């Protein structure tokens, strides 16, 4: 599992449409927003898929840039063992 946090800069006038696009992506979730700025988390199976998903977000009309600010990667075994400890 690969989790990433992104800073997404966008045109304020396009923000409602961008939010709608992000909401349709089951692997993306908007965490915070201000005019022209979004913090988005994404889930992926691996780093390659995460990169493709960042690129998909960058291609949404009105997005100026999407920058990864943090990420965490773990194997399924690590994830399951952490879950069992809880």
C-alpha atoms as a PDB file:
ATOM      1  CA  UNK A   1       0.000   0.000   0.000  1.00  0.00           C
ATOM      2  CA  UNK A   2       1.239   3.452  -0.889  1.00  0.00           C
ATOM      3  CA  UNK A   3      -0.292   6.598   0.645  1.00  0.00           C
ATOM      4  CA  UNK A   4       0.599  10.091  -0.577  1.00  0.00           C
ATOM      5  CA  UNK A   5      -0.386  13.609   0.438  1.00  0.00           C
ATOM      6  CA  UNK A   6      -0.493  16.185  -2.344  1.00  0.00           C
ATOM      7  CA  UNK A   7      -0.625  19.965  -2.489  1.00  0.00           C
ATOM      8  CA  UNK A   8      -2.768  20.853  -5.493  1.00  0.00           C
ATOM      9  CA  UNK A   9      -2.659  24.422  -6.806  1.00  0.00           C
ATOM     10  CA  UNK A  10      -5.572  25.340  -9.038  1.00  0.00           C
ATOM     11  CA  UNK A  11      -7.412  28.199 -10.645  1.00  0.00           C
ATOM     12  CA  UNK A  12     -10.016  29.324  -8.070  1.00  0.00           C
ATOM     13  CA  UNK A  13     -12.708  29.542 -10.755  1.00  0.00           C
ATOM     14  CA  UNK A  14     -12.120  25.881 -11.678  1.00  0.00           C
ATOM     15  CA  UNK A  15     -12.050  24.604  -8.092  1.00  0.00           C
ATOM     16  CA  UNK A  16     -15.675  23.347  -7.966  1.00  0.00           C
ATOM     17  CA  UNK A  17     -15.131  21.278 -11.126  1.00  0.00           C
ATOM     18  CA  UNK A  18     -11.782  19.996  -9.818  1.00  0.00           C
ATOM     19  CA  UNK A  19     -13.405  18.958  -6.529  1.00  0.00           C
ATOM     20  CA  UNK A  20     -16.100  17.107  -8.476  1.00  0.00           C
ATOM     21  CA  UNK A  21     -13.439  15.274 -10.508  1.00  0.00           C
ATOM     22  CA  UNK A  22     -11.487  14.335  -7.376  1.00  0.00           C
ATOM     23  CA  UNK A  23     -14.650  13.157  -5.628  1.00  0.00           C
ATOM     24  CA  UNK A  24     -15.259  10.729  -8.510  1.00  0.00           C
ATOM     25  CA  UNK A  25     -11.835   9.116  -7.945  1.00  0.00           C
ATOM     26  CA  UNK A  26     -12.293   6.345  -5.354  1.00  0.00           C
ATOM     27  CA  UNK A  27      -8.584   6.484  -4.486  1.00  0.00           C
ATOM     28  CA  UNK A  28      -8.456  10.257  -3.786  1.00  0.00           C
ATOM     29  CA  UNK A  29      -9.810  12.263  -0.861  1.00  0.00           C
ATOM     30  CA  UNK A  30      -9.776  16.019  -0.301  1.00  0.00           C
ATOM     31  CA  UNK A  31      -8.540  16.771   3.226  1.00  0.00           C
ATOM     32  CA  UNK A  32      -8.383  20.593   3.236  1.00  0.00           C
ATOM     33  CA  UNK A  33      -9.203  23.390   0.848  1.00  0.00           C
ATOM     34  CA  UNK A  34      -8.820  27.123   0.409  1.00  0.00           C
ATOM     35  CA  UNK A  35      -9.306  29.276  -2.634  1.00  0.00           C
ATOM     36  CA  UNK A  36      -6.946  27.901  -5.277  1.00  0.00           C
ATOM     37  CA  UNK A  37      -5.419  25.302  -2.933  1.00  0.00           C
ATOM     38  CA  UNK A  38      -6.263  21.710  -2.018  1.00  0.00           C
ATOM     39  CA  UNK A  39      -4.627  19.075   0.155  1.00  0.00           C
ATOM     40  CA  UNK A  40      -5.461  15.657  -1.266  1.00  0.00           C
ATOM     41  CA  UNK A  41      -4.538  12.159  -0.110  1.00  0.00           C
ATOM     42  CA  UNK A  42      -4.292   9.298  -2.574  1.00  0.00           C
ATOM     43  CA  UNK A  43      -3.978   5.534  -2.196  1.00  0.00           C
ATOM     44  CA  UNK A  44      -2.148   3.250  -4.603  1.00  0.00           C
ATOM     45  CA  UNK A  45      -0.813  -0.287  -4.735  1.00  0.00           C
ATOM     46  CA  UNK A  46       2.747   0.889  -5.434  1.00  0.00           C
ATOM     47  CA  UNK A  47       4.896   3.907  -6.253  1.00  0.00           C
ATOM     48  CA  UNK A  48       4.406   3.557 -10.008  1.00  0.00           C
ATOM     49  CA  UNK A  49       0.635   3.599  -9.697  1.00  0.00           C
ATOM     50  CA  UNK A  50       0.871   6.565  -7.307  1.00  0.00           C
ATOM     51  CA  UNK A  51       2.870   8.467  -9.921  1.00  0.00           C
ATOM     52  CA  UNK A  52       0.233   7.759 -12.557  1.00  0.00           C
ATOM     53  CA  UNK A  53      -2.481   8.978 -10.203  1.00  0.00           C
ATOM     54  CA  UNK A  54      -0.628  12.221  -9.490  1.00  0.00           C
ATOM     55  CA  UNK A  55      -0.311  12.713 -13.236  1.00  0.00           C
ATOM     56  CA  UNK A  56      -4.045  12.067 -13.668  1.00  0.00           C
ATOM     57  CA  UNK A  57      -4.775  14.803 -11.118  1.00  0.00           C
ATOM     58  CA  UNK A  58      -2.363  17.193 -12.874  1.00  0.00           C
ATOM     59  CA  UNK A  59      -4.300  16.651 -16.118  1.00  0.00           C
ATOM     60  CA  UNK A  60      -7.621  17.848 -14.660  1.00  0.00           C
ATOM     61  CA  UNK A  61      -8.582  21.132 -16.300  1.00  0.00           C
ATOM     62  CA  UNK A  62      -7.761  24.105 -14.069  1.00  0.00           C
ATOM     63  CA  UNK A  63      -5.075  22.313 -12.046  1.00  0.00           C
ATOM     64  CA  UNK A  64      -1.867  24.343 -12.109  1.00  0.00           C
ATOM     65  CA  UNK A  65       0.306  21.787 -10.293  1.00  0.00           C
ATOM     66  CA  UNK A  66       0.110  18.747  -7.999  1.00  0.00           C
ATOM     67  CA  UNK A  67       3.092  18.206  -5.717  1.00  0.00           C
ATOM     68  CA  UNK A  68       3.682  15.220  -3.427  1.00  0.00           C
ATOM     69  CA  UNK A  69       4.396  16.560   0.072  1.00  0.00           C
ATOM     70  CA  UNK A  70       4.511  13.277   2.017  1.00  0.00           C
ATOM     71  CA  UNK A  71       4.190   9.559   1.405  1.00  0.00           C
ATOM     72  CA  UNK A  72       4.195   6.242   3.207  1.00  0.00           C
ATOM     73  CA  UNK A  73       4.695   2.837   1.681  1.00  0.00           C
ATOM     74  CA  UNK A  74       4.270  -0.576   3.269  1.00  0.00           C
ATOM     75  CA  UNK A  75       3.812  -4.150   2.159  1.00  0.00           C
ATOM     76  CA  UNK A  76       0.517  -5.928   2.711  1.00  0.00           C
ATOM     77  CA  UNK A  77       2.184  -8.014   5.429  1.00  0.00           C
ATOM     78  CA  UNK A  78       3.385  -4.901   7.285  1.00  0.00           C
ATOM     79  CA  UNK A  79      -0.062  -3.321   6.970  1.00  0.00           C
ATOM     80  CA  UNK A  80      -1.834  -6.422   8.270  1.00  0.00           C
ATOM     81  CA  UNK A  81       0.553  -6.848  11.208  1.00  0.00           C
ATOM     82  CA  UNK A  82       0.061  -3.179  12.210  1.00  0.00           C
ATOM     83  CA  UNK A  83      -3.689  -3.618  11.957  1.00  0.00           C
ATOM     84  CA  UNK A  84      -3.563  -6.707  14.194  1.00  0.00           C
ATOM     85  CA  UNK A  85      -1.636  -4.757  16.862  1.00  0.00           C
ATOM     86  CA  UNK A  86      -4.471  -2.260  17.134  1.00  0.00           C
END
